[in-house]
Protein backbone atom coordinates (compact mmCIF):
# COMPACT_ATOMS: atom_id res chain seq x y z
CA GLN A 1 4.96 7.37 34.67
CA VAL A 2 2.68 4.94 32.90
CA GLN A 3 2.15 1.41 34.16
CA LEU A 4 1.17 -1.24 31.62
CA VAL A 5 -0.21 -4.69 32.43
CA GLU A 6 -0.81 -7.26 29.70
CA SER A 7 -3.24 -10.15 29.91
CA GLY A 8 -4.89 -12.69 27.66
CA GLY A 9 -1.94 -14.83 26.67
CA GLY A 10 -2.04 -18.60 26.77
CA LEU A 11 -1.80 -21.83 24.82
CA VAL A 12 -3.84 -22.21 21.64
CA GLN A 13 -3.85 -24.57 18.69
CA ALA A 14 -2.81 -23.40 15.26
CA GLY A 15 -5.72 -21.67 13.55
CA GLY A 16 -7.14 -20.47 16.83
CA SER A 17 -7.57 -16.99 18.25
CA LEU A 18 -6.51 -15.00 21.28
CA ARG A 19 -7.22 -11.47 22.40
CA LEU A 20 -4.53 -9.67 24.32
CA SER A 21 -5.33 -6.70 26.52
CA CYS A 22 -3.03 -4.07 27.96
CA ALA A 23 -4.40 -1.94 30.78
CA ALA A 24 -2.67 1.37 31.41
CA SER A 25 -2.59 3.48 34.53
CA GLY A 26 -0.83 6.66 35.48
CA ARG A 27 -0.84 9.48 33.00
CA THR A 28 -3.56 10.25 30.47
CA PHE A 29 -3.77 7.20 28.24
CA SER A 30 -5.14 9.09 25.26
CA ASN A 31 -1.90 11.07 25.00
CA TYR A 32 0.10 7.96 24.12
CA ALA A 33 0.72 6.05 20.95
CA MET A 34 0.69 2.34 21.71
CA GLY A 35 2.43 -0.67 20.28
CA TRP A 36 2.47 -4.43 20.60
CA PHE A 37 5.82 -6.18 20.32
CA ARG A 38 6.82 -9.80 20.52
CA GLN A 39 10.02 -11.65 21.23
CA ALA A 40 10.60 -15.31 20.53
CA PRO A 41 13.50 -17.23 22.12
CA GLY A 42 16.77 -16.36 20.42
CA LYS A 43 15.19 -13.62 18.31
CA GLU A 44 15.07 -9.86 18.49
CA ARG A 45 12.04 -8.01 19.76
CA GLN A 46 9.73 -7.22 16.85
CA LEU A 47 7.05 -4.55 16.47
CA VAL A 48 3.87 -6.41 15.58
CA ALA A 49 1.29 -3.61 15.52
CA ALA A 50 0.98 0.03 16.50
CA ILE A 51 -1.83 2.51 16.94
CA SER A 52 -2.01 6.29 17.24
CA TRP A 53 -3.67 8.33 20.03
CA SER A 54 -7.01 8.49 18.30
CA GLY A 55 -6.93 4.96 16.94
CA ARG A 56 -7.37 6.27 13.40
CA LYS A 57 -3.86 5.26 12.34
CA THR A 58 -2.49 1.76 12.60
CA TYR A 59 0.54 -0.22 11.50
CA TYR A 60 1.04 -3.97 11.12
CA ALA A 61 4.10 -6.06 10.45
CA ASP A 62 3.82 -7.97 7.19
CA SER A 63 3.85 -11.27 9.05
CA VAL A 64 0.56 -10.47 10.84
CA LYS A 65 -1.35 -8.37 8.31
CA GLY A 66 -4.85 -9.67 7.77
CA ARG A 67 -4.69 -11.83 10.92
CA PHE A 68 -4.09 -9.39 13.81
CA THR A 69 -6.05 -6.27 14.70
CA ILE A 70 -4.95 -3.58 17.12
CA SER A 71 -7.53 -1.34 18.75
CA ARG A 72 -7.86 0.88 21.80
CA ASP A 73 -10.50 2.11 24.19
CA ASN A 74 -9.30 5.43 25.59
CA ALA A 75 -12.16 5.61 28.07
CA LYS A 76 -10.98 2.32 29.60
CA ALA A 77 -7.27 3.07 29.09
CA THR A 78 -6.81 -0.24 27.34
CA VAL A 79 -5.26 -1.39 24.09
CA PHE A 80 -6.12 -4.72 22.50
CA LEU A 81 -4.54 -7.11 20.05
CA GLN A 82 -6.97 -9.51 18.43
CA MET A 83 -5.01 -12.41 16.99
CA ASN A 84 -6.74 -14.76 14.55
CA SER A 85 -5.51 -17.66 12.42
CA LEU A 86 -2.60 -18.12 14.78
CA LYS A 87 0.47 -20.00 13.59
CA PRO A 88 3.23 -21.76 15.55
CA GLU A 89 5.61 -19.01 14.45
CA ASP A 90 3.49 -16.50 16.40
CA THR A 91 4.73 -18.13 19.60
CA ALA A 92 6.49 -15.48 21.67
CA VAL A 93 6.25 -13.23 24.68
CA TYR A 94 4.05 -10.29 23.73
CA TYR A 95 4.66 -6.85 25.20
CA CYS A 96 2.67 -3.66 25.02
CA ALA A 97 4.40 -0.31 25.03
CA ALA A 98 3.44 3.35 25.26
CA ASP A 99 5.09 6.39 23.74
CA SER A 100 4.26 10.09 24.03
CA LEU A 101 4.07 11.64 20.59
CA ARG A 102 3.26 15.25 19.78
CA ILE A 103 1.16 14.24 16.80
CA ASP A 104 -1.49 11.65 16.13
CA ALA A 105 0.77 9.08 14.52
CA VAL A 106 2.05 5.56 15.03
CA ARG A 107 5.47 5.02 16.57
CA LEU A 108 7.62 2.66 14.55
CA GLY A 109 10.78 1.14 15.94
CA SER A 110 11.37 0.21 19.56
CA SER A 111 12.01 3.59 21.20
CA TYR A 112 8.90 3.53 23.34
CA ASP A 113 8.86 5.22 26.74
CA TYR A 114 7.07 2.56 28.79
CA TRP A 115 6.79 -1.21 28.62
CA GLY A 116 4.65 -3.91 30.17
CA GLN A 117 5.99 -7.11 31.70
CA GLY A 118 4.85 -9.32 28.82
CA THR A 119 2.45 -12.21 28.35
CA GLN A 120 3.30 -15.58 26.85
CA VAL A 121 1.53 -16.76 23.71
CA THR A 122 2.13 -20.34 22.65
CA VAL A 123 0.65 -21.76 19.46
CA SER A 124 0.81 -25.52 19.07
CA SER A 125 0.87 -27.24 15.69
């Protein structure tokens, strides 16, 4: 089992920045590919960014490319999502997720093994 706890959400004005953190406990963090998802009211959950075990491979949704950066610190068992130039349409509950992959790759799609409880991000115009 892997437990994931997100933090860092909040209310920010458009153009501002937030840094989300996801602390993992349980099994060896460095064995897991990680992802950040978001879900806005009335919309499906969307993969925003993903990162491989090593951190060398990343993926970003088109809507956040150039504005968001995913990173990880395996020694601290934490994954981060730096969000810059935030827009009102970024408003959502943000979730981190972990998935055990046999190779050093990103996991696309939503079939992750473990999920956090989510943190609210609200961007005002």
